[in-house]
Amino acid sequence: VRGHWEEFVHPSGAIYYYNAKSKTYTGMNVRDCSDGQLQRLESWIEMSRTKLDGKQWLLVVEPILARGKEIYPYYYVVPENRIITWIEPVDGFLLFQECETVWHWNHKSTLHLLYIGIEVQFIV
């Protein structure tokens, strides 16, 4: 699509992009964004990865504009260990708001619901 980025369609129908060189996923439309936006995203990815001490975890980043400033909400994934992590403290509310549909499922265990919701949203 553009540079090292490839376009994919998630089973839910959402379009996302993957950069195999940087092991990064994003929903940001890298096909149509400006060169400056893409350069800032790739610079942020590089800077973030320097904090991993060489670990090759997958990165998921969703750049947004907040109060006129680009910010980069993200998480790292270690699929073989089923781990989602961040390199600095994060408010768990941001994670669990993405799993809102699990609250409508008819299961007995709330913790089990959260586990399933996280797995469906982020790991599967």
Protein backbone atom coordinates (compact mmCIF):
# COMPACT_ATOMS: atom_id res chain seq x y z
CA VAL A 1 0.00 0.00 0.00
CA ARG A 2 2.59 2.54 1.12
CA GLY A 3 6.19 2.04 2.21
CA HIS A 4 6.33 -1.14 4.30
CA TRP A 5 2.61 -0.98 5.16
CA GLU A 6 0.13 -3.58 3.85
CA GLU A 7 -3.66 -3.30 3.99
CA PHE A 8 -5.85 -6.06 5.47
CA VAL A 9 -9.53 -6.57 6.23
CA HIS A 10 -10.41 -7.92 9.68
CA PRO A 11 -13.17 -10.60 9.81
CA SER A 12 -15.41 -7.89 11.33
CA GLY A 13 -14.94 -5.85 8.14
CA ALA A 14 -12.60 -3.22 9.62
CA ILE A 15 -9.63 -2.20 7.49
CA TYR A 16 -6.26 -2.17 9.22
CA TYR A 17 -2.63 -1.88 8.21
CA TYR A 18 0.42 -3.95 9.12
CA ASN A 19 4.09 -3.09 8.81
CA ALA A 20 6.13 -6.33 8.93
CA LYS A 21 9.40 -4.42 9.27
CA SER A 22 8.30 -2.70 12.49
CA LYS A 23 5.85 -5.47 13.56
CA THR A 24 3.12 -2.85 13.93
CA TYR A 25 -0.62 -2.81 13.36
CA THR A 26 -2.75 0.32 13.05
CA GLY A 27 -6.24 1.30 12.01
CA MET A 28 -4.93 4.67 10.81
CA ASN A 29 -5.48 4.95 7.08
CA VAL A 30 -1.84 4.99 5.95
CA ARG A 31 -2.99 4.96 2.34
CA ASP A 32 -4.56 8.43 2.58
CA CYS A 33 -2.76 10.14 5.45
CA SER A 34 -0.26 12.90 4.80
CA ASP A 35 3.45 12.17 4.49
CA GLY A 36 3.96 14.13 7.72
CA GLN A 37 1.40 12.04 9.63
CA LEU A 38 2.99 8.81 8.45
CA GLN A 39 6.49 10.07 9.25
CA ARG A 40 5.39 11.11 12.78
CA LEU A 41 3.75 7.71 13.32
CA GLU A 42 6.84 5.83 12.17
CA SER A 43 9.09 8.03 14.33
CA TRP A 44 6.86 7.34 17.34
CA ILE A 45 7.01 3.60 16.62
CA GLU A 46 10.82 3.73 16.46
CA MET A 47 11.03 5.68 19.70
CA SER A 48 8.62 3.32 21.46
CA ARG A 49 10.52 0.24 20.35
CA THR A 50 13.81 1.60 21.75
CA LYS A 51 12.29 1.12 25.23
CA LEU A 52 11.79 -2.64 24.68
CA ASP A 53 15.42 -3.73 24.98
CA GLY A 54 15.26 -5.60 21.68
CA LYS A 55 12.04 -7.52 22.39
CA GLN A 56 10.17 -8.19 19.15
CA TRP A 57 6.62 -7.86 20.46
CA LEU A 58 3.78 -6.87 18.14
CA LEU A 59 2.70 -3.25 18.47
CA VAL A 60 -0.86 -2.02 17.98
CA VAL A 61 -1.14 1.77 17.78
CA GLU A 62 -4.18 3.95 17.02
CA PRO A 63 -3.09 7.58 16.51
CA ILE A 64 -5.74 10.16 17.43
CA LEU A 65 -5.97 13.92 17.45
CA ALA A 66 -6.73 15.27 20.94
CA ARG A 67 -6.94 19.01 21.53
CA GLY A 68 -5.01 19.64 18.35
CA LYS A 69 -2.18 17.27 19.26
CA GLU A 70 -1.44 13.82 17.85
CA ILE A 71 -1.27 11.15 20.55
CA TYR A 72 -0.57 7.46 20.13
CA PRO A 73 -2.66 5.10 22.27
CA TYR A 74 -1.03 1.69 21.94
CA TYR A 75 -0.43 -1.72 23.43
CA TYR A 76 2.13 -4.44 22.82
CA VAL A 77 1.12 -8.06 22.26
CA VAL A 78 3.11 -11.22 22.93
CA PRO A 79 0.79 -13.69 21.14
CA GLU A 80 2.63 -16.89 22.05
CA ASN A 81 2.21 -16.03 25.75
CA ARG A 82 -1.23 -14.38 25.37
CA ILE A 83 0.08 -11.18 26.94
CA ILE A 84 -1.01 -7.59 26.36
CA THR A 85 1.30 -5.00 27.89
CA TRP A 86 2.41 -1.38 27.92
CA ILE A 87 5.80 0.19 28.61
CA GLU A 88 4.38 2.71 31.06
CA PRO A 89 1.38 2.76 33.42
CA VAL A 90 -2.01 2.78 31.69
CA ASP A 91 -5.59 3.33 32.88
CA GLY A 92 -7.36 -0.05 32.60
CA PHE A 93 -10.61 1.70 31.72
CA LEU A 94 -9.20 2.39 28.28
CA LEU A 95 -8.74 -1.34 27.74
CA PHE A 96 -12.07 -2.50 29.12
CA GLN A 97 -14.20 0.08 27.29
CA GLU A 98 -13.28 -1.75 24.08
CA CYS A 99 -14.87 -4.91 25.52
CA GLU A 100 -18.30 -3.39 26.16
CA THR A 101 -20.19 -6.04 24.18
CA VAL A 102 -19.20 -8.79 26.63
CA TRP A 103 -21.46 -7.22 29.25
CA HIS A 104 -24.43 -8.22 27.11
CA TRP A 105 -23.47 -11.89 26.96
CA ASN A 106 -25.30 -14.31 29.26
CA HIS A 107 -22.45 -15.84 31.31
CA LYS A 108 -22.12 -16.39 35.06
CA SER A 109 -18.60 -15.19 35.78
CA THR A 110 -17.72 -11.52 35.32
CA LEU A 111 -13.99 -12.30 35.32
CA HIS A 112 -14.60 -14.96 32.69
CA LEU A 113 -16.49 -12.35 30.65
CA LEU A 114 -13.58 -9.94 30.85
CA TYR A 115 -11.14 -12.64 29.83
CA ILE A 116 -13.27 -13.63 26.83
CA GLY A 117 -13.79 -10.00 25.86
CA ILE A 118 -10.11 -9.22 25.96
CA GLU A 119 -9.27 -12.39 24.06
CA VAL A 120 -11.85 -11.71 21.36
CA GLN A 121 -10.90 -8.04 21.00
CA PHE A 122 -7.12 -8.19 21.21
CA ILE A 123 -5.68 -11.68 20.87
CA VAL A 124 -7.78 -13.80 18.48
